[in-house]
Amino acid sequence: MAVYHNNARIASEIREKRTILRDRYGGMMTLEELREELGYRSRTSARQAAQELGILPTQIGRMKKYDTDQVAKRLVELRGMC
């Protein structure tokens, strides 16, 4: 569990990013959407980056999708605001 120096500010930033991602992609993101959000050109690079960032996919039928809440949280944490 992460320890934040400014809990209210971080929680607010996570909530804001989560709202943005949910508006764009709904509750789950495909690898292609995640690739676009992370700024990668290659699906392989995006998949590897997501794994290194601790953003793990969920198997839904034949597809693997990424939880937008988890993506939002990790992106805000990685901004260096924690």
N, C-alpha and C. Protein backbone atom coordinates (compact mmCIF):
# COMPACT_ATOMS: atom_id res chain seq x y z
N MET A 1 0.84 -1.18 0.00
CA MET A 1 0.00 0.00 0.00
C MET A 1 0.88 1.24 0.00
N ALA A 2 0.57 2.17 -0.86
CA ALA A 2 1.37 3.38 -0.98
C ALA A 2 1.04 4.36 0.14
N VAL A 3 2.05 5.07 0.58
CA VAL A 3 1.87 6.11 1.58
C VAL A 3 2.09 7.44 0.88
N TYR A 4 1.09 8.30 0.94
CA TYR A 4 1.15 9.57 0.26
C TYR A 4 1.43 10.69 1.25
N HIS A 5 2.18 11.68 0.80
CA HIS A 5 2.50 12.82 1.65
C HIS A 5 1.33 13.78 1.78
N ASN A 6 0.52 13.86 0.77
CA ASN A 6 -0.63 14.75 0.78
C ASN A 6 -1.84 13.95 0.31
N ASN A 7 -2.44 13.22 1.22
CA ASN A 7 -3.52 12.28 0.87
C ASN A 7 -4.68 12.93 0.14
N ALA A 8 -5.13 14.07 0.60
CA ALA A 8 -6.30 14.71 -0.02
C ALA A 8 -6.00 15.13 -1.45
N ARG A 9 -4.84 15.68 -1.68
CA ARG A 9 -4.48 16.13 -3.02
C ARG A 9 -4.33 14.94 -3.97
N ILE A 10 -3.65 13.91 -3.52
CA ILE A 10 -3.45 12.72 -4.34
C ILE A 10 -4.79 12.06 -4.65
N ALA A 11 -5.62 11.92 -3.64
CA ALA A 11 -6.94 11.31 -3.84
C ALA A 11 -7.75 12.12 -4.85
N SER A 12 -7.65 13.42 -4.78
CA SER A 12 -8.36 14.29 -5.71
C SER A 12 -7.83 14.10 -7.14
N GLU A 13 -6.51 14.03 -7.28
CA GLU A 13 -5.91 13.82 -8.60
C GLU A 13 -6.29 12.46 -9.19
N ILE A 14 -6.29 11.43 -8.35
CA ILE A 14 -6.68 10.09 -8.80
C ILE A 14 -8.14 10.10 -9.24
N ARG A 15 -8.99 10.73 -8.45
CA ARG A 15 -10.42 10.80 -8.78
C ARG A 15 -10.63 11.53 -10.11
N GLU A 16 -9.90 12.62 -10.31
CA GLU A 16 -10.03 13.39 -11.55
C GLU A 16 -9.57 12.57 -12.76
N LYS A 17 -8.43 11.90 -12.63
CA LYS A 17 -7.91 11.08 -13.73
C LYS A 17 -8.84 9.90 -14.00
N ARG A 18 -9.37 9.30 -12.94
CA ARG A 18 -10.30 8.18 -13.08
C ARG A 18 -11.55 8.61 -13.85
N THR A 19 -12.05 9.79 -13.53
CA THR A 19 -13.23 10.32 -14.22
C THR A 19 -12.94 10.53 -15.71
N ILE A 20 -11.78 11.09 -16.00
CA ILE A 20 -11.40 11.32 -17.40
C ILE A 20 -11.32 10.00 -18.16
N LEU A 21 -10.63 9.02 -17.58
CA LEU A 21 -10.47 7.74 -18.26
C LEU A 21 -11.80 7.01 -18.40
N ARG A 22 -12.65 7.07 -17.39
CA ARG A 22 -13.95 6.41 -17.48
C ARG A 22 -14.83 7.07 -18.55
N ASP A 23 -14.74 8.38 -18.67
CA ASP A 23 -15.51 9.07 -19.72
C ASP A 23 -15.04 8.65 -21.10
N ARG A 24 -13.74 8.49 -21.26
CA ARG A 24 -13.18 8.11 -22.57
C ARG A 24 -13.38 6.64 -22.90
N TYR A 25 -13.12 5.77 -21.92
CA TYR A 25 -13.02 4.34 -22.21
C TYR A 25 -14.02 3.45 -21.47
N GLY A 26 -14.78 3.99 -20.56
CA GLY A 26 -15.65 3.15 -19.75
C GLY A 26 -14.84 2.56 -18.60
N GLY A 27 -15.26 1.44 -18.08
CA GLY A 27 -14.60 0.84 -16.92
C GLY A 27 -13.36 0.03 -17.24
N MET A 28 -13.24 -0.41 -18.48
CA MET A 28 -12.10 -1.25 -18.87
C MET A 28 -11.49 -0.71 -20.16
N MET A 29 -10.18 -0.87 -20.28
CA MET A 29 -9.45 -0.39 -21.45
C MET A 29 -8.83 -1.58 -22.18
N THR A 30 -8.85 -1.52 -23.50
CA THR A 30 -8.14 -2.53 -24.29
C THR A 30 -6.66 -2.16 -24.31
N LEU A 31 -5.84 -3.07 -24.78
CA LEU A 31 -4.41 -2.78 -24.89
C LEU A 31 -4.18 -1.61 -25.84
N GLU A 32 -4.95 -1.54 -26.89
CA GLU A 32 -4.82 -0.44 -27.86
C GLU A 32 -5.11 0.91 -27.19
N GLU A 33 -6.13 0.97 -26.37
CA GLU A 33 -6.47 2.21 -25.65
C GLU A 33 -5.39 2.55 -24.63
N LEU A 34 -4.90 1.53 -23.94
CA LEU A 34 -3.83 1.75 -22.97
C LEU A 34 -2.57 2.23 -23.68
N ARG A 35 -2.27 1.63 -24.81
CA ARG A 35 -1.11 2.03 -25.61
C ARG A 35 -1.19 3.51 -25.96
N GLU A 36 -2.35 3.92 -26.40
CA GLU A 36 -2.57 5.31 -26.76
C GLU A 36 -2.42 6.23 -25.54
N GLU A 37 -2.97 5.83 -24.42
CA GLU A 37 -2.91 6.64 -23.20
C GLU A 37 -1.48 6.77 -22.68
N LEU A 38 -0.70 5.70 -22.80
CA LEU A 38 0.68 5.72 -22.33
C LEU A 38 1.63 6.37 -23.33
N GLY A 39 1.18 6.51 -24.57
CA GLY A 39 2.00 7.17 -25.58
C GLY A 39 2.98 6.27 -26.30
N TYR A 40 2.68 4.99 -26.37
CA TYR A 40 3.54 4.05 -27.09
C TYR A 40 3.00 3.80 -28.49
N ARG A 41 3.91 3.49 -29.41
CA ARG A 41 3.49 3.13 -30.77
C ARG A 41 3.29 1.63 -30.90
N SER A 42 4.10 0.89 -30.18
CA SER A 42 4.08 -0.57 -30.29
C SER A 42 3.21 -1.19 -29.20
N ARG A 43 2.39 -2.16 -29.60
CA ARG A 43 1.57 -2.89 -28.63
C ARG A 43 2.46 -3.67 -27.66
N THR A 44 3.55 -4.22 -28.18
CA THR A 44 4.46 -4.99 -27.34
C THR A 44 5.09 -4.11 -26.27
N SER A 45 5.52 -2.92 -26.67
CA SER A 45 6.12 -1.98 -25.71
C SER A 45 5.10 -1.54 -24.67
N ALA A 46 3.88 -1.29 -25.11
CA ALA A 46 2.83 -0.88 -24.18
C ALA A 46 2.51 -1.99 -23.18
N ARG A 47 2.45 -3.21 -23.66
CA ARG A 47 2.17 -4.36 -22.79
C ARG A 47 3.29 -4.51 -21.75
N GLN A 48 4.53 -4.39 -22.20
CA GLN A 48 5.67 -4.51 -21.30
C GLN A 48 5.69 -3.36 -20.29
N ALA A 49 5.42 -2.15 -20.74
CA ALA A 49 5.40 -0.99 -19.84
C ALA A 49 4.30 -1.15 -18.80
N ALA A 50 3.14 -1.60 -19.22
CA ALA A 50 2.02 -1.79 -18.29
C ALA A 50 2.41 -2.80 -17.21
N GLN A 51 3.05 -3.87 -17.62
CA GLN A 51 3.47 -4.89 -16.67
C GLN A 51 4.49 -4.32 -15.69
N GLU A 52 5.45 -3.56 -16.19
CA GLU A 52 6.47 -2.95 -15.33
C GLU A 52 5.86 -1.92 -14.38
N LEU A 53 4.80 -1.26 -14.81
CA LEU A 53 4.14 -0.26 -13.98
C LEU A 53 3.18 -0.89 -12.97
N GLY A 54 2.99 -2.18 -13.08
CA GLY A 54 2.09 -2.87 -12.16
C GLY A 54 0.64 -2.79 -12.56
N ILE A 55 0.39 -2.50 -13.83
CA ILE A 55 -0.97 -2.45 -14.35
C ILE A 55 -1.23 -3.80 -15.03
N LEU A 56 -1.91 -4.67 -14.34
CA LEU A 56 -2.11 -6.02 -14.83
C LEU A 56 -3.47 -6.16 -15.52
N PRO A 57 -3.51 -6.93 -16.60
CA PRO A 57 -4.77 -7.11 -17.32
C PRO A 57 -5.68 -8.13 -16.64
N THR A 58 -6.95 -8.03 -16.96
CA THR A 58 -7.95 -8.99 -16.52
C THR A 58 -8.46 -9.71 -17.75
N GLN A 59 -8.49 -11.02 -17.69
CA GLN A 59 -8.98 -11.81 -18.82
C GLN A 59 -10.50 -11.73 -18.86
N ILE A 60 -11.04 -11.23 -19.96
CA ILE A 60 -12.49 -11.14 -20.15
C ILE A 60 -12.79 -11.83 -21.48
N GLY A 61 -13.28 -13.05 -21.37
CA GLY A 61 -13.49 -13.85 -22.58
C GLY A 61 -12.16 -14.12 -23.24
N ARG A 62 -12.04 -13.76 -24.51
CA ARG A 62 -10.79 -13.96 -25.24
C ARG A 62 -9.84 -12.78 -25.10
N MET A 63 -10.33 -11.67 -24.58
CA MET A 63 -9.53 -10.45 -24.51
C MET A 63 -8.99 -10.19 -23.11
N LYS A 64 -7.88 -9.48 -23.08
CA LYS A 64 -7.35 -8.98 -21.81
C LYS A 64 -7.63 -7.49 -21.79
N LYS A 65 -8.20 -7.03 -20.68
CA LYS A 65 -8.52 -5.61 -20.55
C LYS A 65 -7.92 -5.08 -19.25
N TYR A 66 -7.77 -3.77 -19.22
CA TYR A 66 -7.14 -3.10 -18.08
C TYR A 66 -8.17 -2.23 -17.37
N ASP A 67 -8.20 -2.32 -16.05
CA ASP A 67 -9.14 -1.55 -15.24
C ASP A 67 -8.75 -0.07 -15.26
N THR A 68 -9.68 0.78 -15.66
CA THR A 68 -9.37 2.21 -15.76
C THR A 68 -9.03 2.82 -14.40
N ASP A 69 -9.63 2.32 -13.33
CA ASP A 69 -9.32 2.85 -12.00
C ASP A 69 -7.87 2.56 -11.63
N GLN A 70 -7.42 1.36 -11.93
CA GLN A 70 -6.04 0.97 -11.64
C GLN A 70 -5.06 1.78 -12.50
N VAL A 71 -5.40 1.97 -13.75
CA VAL A 71 -4.56 2.76 -14.66
C VAL A 71 -4.46 4.20 -14.14
N ALA A 72 -5.58 4.78 -13.78
CA ALA A 72 -5.59 6.16 -13.28
C ALA A 72 -4.73 6.30 -12.04
N LYS A 73 -4.87 5.37 -11.12
CA LYS A 73 -4.10 5.42 -9.87
C LYS A 73 -2.60 5.35 -10.15
N ARG A 74 -2.18 4.42 -10.99
CA ARG A 74 -0.75 4.27 -11.29
C ARG A 74 -0.20 5.48 -12.03
N LEU A 75 -0.97 6.03 -12.97
CA LEU A 75 -0.49 7.19 -13.71
C LEU A 75 -0.29 8.39 -12.79
N VAL A 76 -1.20 8.60 -11.86
CA VAL A 76 -1.07 9.71 -10.92
C VAL A 76 0.11 9.45 -9.98
N GLU A 77 0.26 8.23 -9.51
CA GLU A 77 1.39 7.91 -8.63
C GLU A 77 2.72 8.14 -9.34
N LEU A 78 2.77 7.85 -10.61
CA LEU A 78 4.03 7.96 -11.36
C LEU A 78 4.37 9.39 -11.77
N ARG A 79 3.45 10.30 -11.59
CA ARG A 79 3.74 11.70 -11.88
C ARG A 79 4.75 12.28 -10.91
N GLY A 80 5.02 11.55 -9.84
CA GLY A 80 5.96 12.04 -8.84
C GLY A 80 5.29 12.90 -7.79
N MET A 81 3.99 12.76 -7.68
CA MET A 81 3.25 13.59 -6.73
C MET A 81 3.16 12.94 -5.36
N CYS A 82 3.62 11.73 -5.23
CA CYS A 82 3.47 11.01 -3.96
C CYS A 82 4.64 11.29 -3.04
